[in-house]
Amino acid sequence: MTPDQIEEKLKLIDAIEQVRTKNNVNWMNILRVALKADPDSTLALVREINTKDNEISELFAKLGEPV
């Protein structure tokens, strides 16, 4: 990749980061509504999400390991 192409990709990453930041607020608002409506089911889902997030983190760690 050329330096200009890398710079364009970095700008895209910045744009994605800005949108994701705003979208995370939406996800937290959904979580608040769900917790009020059905706390037990919501917390069970949060635990499952956390388990899957940990699996993803482990896979990313393996991806980053030297070959």
N, C-alpha and C. Protein backbone atom coordinates (compact mmCIF):
# COMPACT_ATOMS: atom_id res chain seq x y z
N MET A 1 0.85 -1.19 0.00
CA MET A 1 0.00 0.00 0.00
C MET A 1 0.88 1.24 0.00
N THR A 2 0.40 2.23 -0.71
CA THR A 2 1.13 3.50 -0.72
C THR A 2 0.80 4.29 0.55
N PRO A 3 1.64 5.25 0.89
CA PRO A 3 1.32 6.09 2.05
C PRO A 3 -0.03 6.79 1.91
N ASP A 4 -0.39 7.21 0.70
CA ASP A 4 -1.69 7.86 0.50
C ASP A 4 -2.85 6.89 0.75
N GLN A 5 -2.68 5.66 0.31
CA GLN A 5 -3.73 4.65 0.53
C GLN A 5 -3.88 4.35 2.02
N ILE A 6 -2.74 4.27 2.70
CA ILE A 6 -2.78 4.03 4.15
C ILE A 6 -3.49 5.19 4.84
N GLU A 7 -3.19 6.40 4.43
CA GLU A 7 -3.82 7.58 5.03
C GLU A 7 -5.33 7.56 4.82
N GLU A 8 -5.78 7.16 3.64
CA GLU A 8 -7.22 7.06 3.36
C GLU A 8 -7.87 6.01 4.26
N LYS A 9 -7.21 4.88 4.45
CA LYS A 9 -7.74 3.83 5.33
C LYS A 9 -7.83 4.33 6.76
N LEU A 10 -6.80 5.07 7.20
CA LEU A 10 -6.82 5.62 8.56
C LEU A 10 -7.96 6.62 8.73
N LYS A 11 -8.26 7.40 7.71
CA LYS A 11 -9.39 8.33 7.78
C LYS A 11 -10.71 7.57 7.89
N LEU A 12 -10.81 6.46 7.17
CA LEU A 12 -12.02 5.62 7.28
C LEU A 12 -12.16 5.05 8.68
N ILE A 13 -11.06 4.61 9.26
CA ILE A 13 -11.10 4.08 10.63
C ILE A 13 -11.56 5.16 11.60
N ASP A 14 -11.06 6.38 11.42
CA ASP A 14 -11.50 7.49 12.28
C ASP A 14 -13.00 7.73 12.14
N ALA A 15 -13.50 7.68 10.91
CA ALA A 15 -14.94 7.90 10.68
C ALA A 15 -15.76 6.79 11.32
N ILE A 16 -15.30 5.55 11.19
CA ILE A 16 -15.99 4.41 11.82
C ILE A 16 -16.01 4.58 13.32
N GLU A 17 -14.89 5.01 13.89
CA GLU A 17 -14.80 5.20 15.34
C GLU A 17 -15.82 6.23 15.82
N GLN A 18 -15.98 7.31 15.07
CA GLN A 18 -16.94 8.35 15.46
C GLN A 18 -18.37 7.83 15.44
N VAL A 19 -18.71 7.06 14.41
CA VAL A 19 -20.06 6.51 14.32
C VAL A 19 -20.29 5.48 15.41
N ARG A 20 -19.29 4.62 15.65
CA ARG A 20 -19.44 3.59 16.68
C ARG A 20 -19.63 4.21 18.06
N THR A 21 -18.93 5.30 18.33
CA THR A 21 -19.07 5.98 19.62
C THR A 21 -20.51 6.41 19.84
N LYS A 22 -21.10 7.01 18.82
CA LYS A 22 -22.50 7.44 18.93
C LYS A 22 -23.44 6.24 19.04
N ASN A 23 -23.14 5.19 18.29
CA ASN A 23 -24.00 4.01 18.32
C ASN A 23 -23.92 3.28 19.66
N ASN A 24 -22.76 3.34 20.31
CA ASN A 24 -22.64 2.71 21.63
C ASN A 24 -23.60 3.33 22.63
N VAL A 25 -23.84 4.62 22.51
CA VAL A 25 -24.82 5.29 23.38
C VAL A 25 -26.20 4.67 23.14
N ASN A 26 -26.53 4.42 21.88
CA ASN A 26 -27.82 3.79 21.58
C ASN A 26 -27.92 2.41 22.21
N TRP A 27 -26.85 1.63 22.11
CA TRP A 27 -26.86 0.29 22.71
C TRP A 27 -27.04 0.36 24.22
N MET A 28 -26.40 1.30 24.86
CA MET A 28 -26.54 1.43 26.32
C MET A 28 -27.95 1.86 26.69
N ASN A 29 -28.58 2.68 25.86
CA ASN A 29 -29.97 3.07 26.11
C ASN A 29 -30.91 1.87 25.97
N ILE A 30 -30.67 1.03 24.97
CA ILE A 30 -31.46 -0.20 24.83
C ILE A 30 -31.28 -1.08 26.06
N LEU A 31 -30.04 -1.17 26.54
CA LEU A 31 -29.77 -1.98 27.73
C LEU A 31 -30.53 -1.45 28.95
N ARG A 32 -30.59 -0.15 29.09
CA ARG A 32 -31.33 0.45 30.22
C ARG A 32 -32.82 0.11 30.14
N VAL A 33 -33.38 0.23 28.95
CA VAL A 33 -34.80 -0.08 28.76
C VAL A 33 -35.05 -1.56 29.07
N ALA A 34 -34.20 -2.42 28.54
CA ALA A 34 -34.37 -3.87 28.76
C ALA A 34 -34.25 -4.22 30.24
N LEU A 35 -33.30 -3.61 30.92
CA LEU A 35 -33.10 -3.92 32.33
C LEU A 35 -34.33 -3.53 33.15
N LYS A 36 -34.94 -2.41 32.81
CA LYS A 36 -36.15 -1.99 33.52
C LYS A 36 -37.32 -2.92 33.21
N ALA A 37 -37.40 -3.40 31.97
CA ALA A 37 -38.53 -4.23 31.55
C ALA A 37 -38.42 -5.66 32.04
N ASP A 38 -37.21 -6.23 32.01
CA ASP A 38 -37.02 -7.64 32.37
C ASP A 38 -35.60 -7.85 32.86
N PRO A 39 -35.35 -7.49 34.13
CA PRO A 39 -33.99 -7.53 34.65
C PRO A 39 -33.32 -8.90 34.55
N ASP A 40 -34.02 -9.97 34.90
CA ASP A 40 -33.39 -11.29 34.91
C ASP A 40 -32.96 -11.72 33.51
N SER A 41 -33.84 -11.57 32.55
CA SER A 41 -33.49 -11.95 31.18
C SER A 41 -32.38 -11.07 30.62
N THR A 42 -32.45 -9.78 30.94
CA THR A 42 -31.42 -8.85 30.45
C THR A 42 -30.06 -9.22 31.01
N LEU A 43 -29.98 -9.50 32.29
CA LEU A 43 -28.69 -9.84 32.89
C LEU A 43 -28.16 -11.17 32.36
N ALA A 44 -29.05 -12.11 32.07
CA ALA A 44 -28.62 -13.38 31.47
C ALA A 44 -28.01 -13.12 30.09
N LEU A 45 -28.63 -12.26 29.32
CA LEU A 45 -28.10 -11.92 28.00
C LEU A 45 -26.76 -11.18 28.11
N VAL A 46 -26.65 -10.29 29.08
CA VAL A 46 -25.39 -9.56 29.29
C VAL A 46 -24.27 -10.54 29.61
N ARG A 47 -24.56 -11.54 30.44
CA ARG A 47 -23.54 -12.55 30.76
C ARG A 47 -23.12 -13.32 29.51
N GLU A 48 -24.08 -13.67 28.67
CA GLU A 48 -23.78 -14.40 27.43
C GLU A 48 -22.96 -13.53 26.47
N ILE A 49 -23.33 -12.27 26.36
CA ILE A 49 -22.56 -11.35 25.52
C ILE A 49 -21.13 -11.25 26.02
N ASN A 50 -20.96 -11.14 27.33
CA ASN A 50 -19.63 -11.03 27.91
C ASN A 50 -18.80 -12.29 27.62
N THR A 51 -19.43 -13.45 27.71
CA THR A 51 -18.75 -14.71 27.41
C THR A 51 -18.26 -14.72 25.96
N LYS A 52 -19.12 -14.32 25.04
CA LYS A 52 -18.74 -14.29 23.62
C LYS A 52 -17.68 -13.22 23.36
N ASP A 53 -17.78 -12.08 24.04
CA ASP A 53 -16.75 -11.04 23.89
C ASP A 53 -15.39 -11.57 24.34
N ASN A 54 -15.38 -12.34 25.42
CA ASN A 54 -14.12 -12.93 25.89
C ASN A 54 -13.56 -13.90 24.86
N GLU A 55 -14.43 -14.68 24.23
CA GLU A 55 -13.98 -15.60 23.18
C GLU A 55 -13.36 -14.82 22.02
N ILE A 56 -13.99 -13.73 21.65
CA ILE A 56 -13.47 -12.89 20.56
C ILE A 56 -12.10 -12.33 20.96
N SER A 57 -11.97 -11.88 22.19
CA SER A 57 -10.68 -11.34 22.66
C SER A 57 -9.58 -12.39 22.60
N GLU A 58 -9.91 -13.62 22.97
CA GLU A 58 -8.93 -14.70 22.90
C GLU A 58 -8.51 -14.97 21.46
N LEU A 59 -9.47 -14.93 20.54
CA LEU A 59 -9.15 -15.14 19.13
C LEU A 59 -8.27 -14.00 18.58
N PHE A 60 -8.57 -12.77 18.98
CA PHE A 60 -7.74 -11.64 18.57
C PHE A 60 -6.33 -11.78 19.12
N ALA A 61 -6.21 -12.25 20.35
CA ALA A 61 -4.88 -12.46 20.94
C ALA A 61 -4.09 -13.48 20.12
N LYS A 62 -4.74 -14.55 19.71
CA LYS A 62 -4.07 -15.57 18.88
C LYS A 62 -3.68 -14.99 17.53
N LEU A 63 -4.56 -14.16 16.97
CA LEU A 63 -4.29 -13.54 15.68
C LEU A 63 -3.03 -12.66 15.75
N GLY A 64 -2.84 -12.02 16.88
CA GLY A 64 -1.70 -11.11 17.06
C GLY A 64 -0.39 -11.80 17.40
N GLU A 65 -0.45 -13.11 17.66
CA GLU A 65 0.77 -13.84 18.02
C GLU A 65 1.68 -13.98 16.81
N PRO A 66 2.99 -13.96 17.05
CA PRO A 66 3.92 -14.20 15.93
C PRO A 66 3.74 -15.61 15.38
N VAL A 67 4.03 -15.75 14.11
CA VAL A 67 3.87 -17.05 13.45
C VAL A 67 5.03 -17.95 13.75
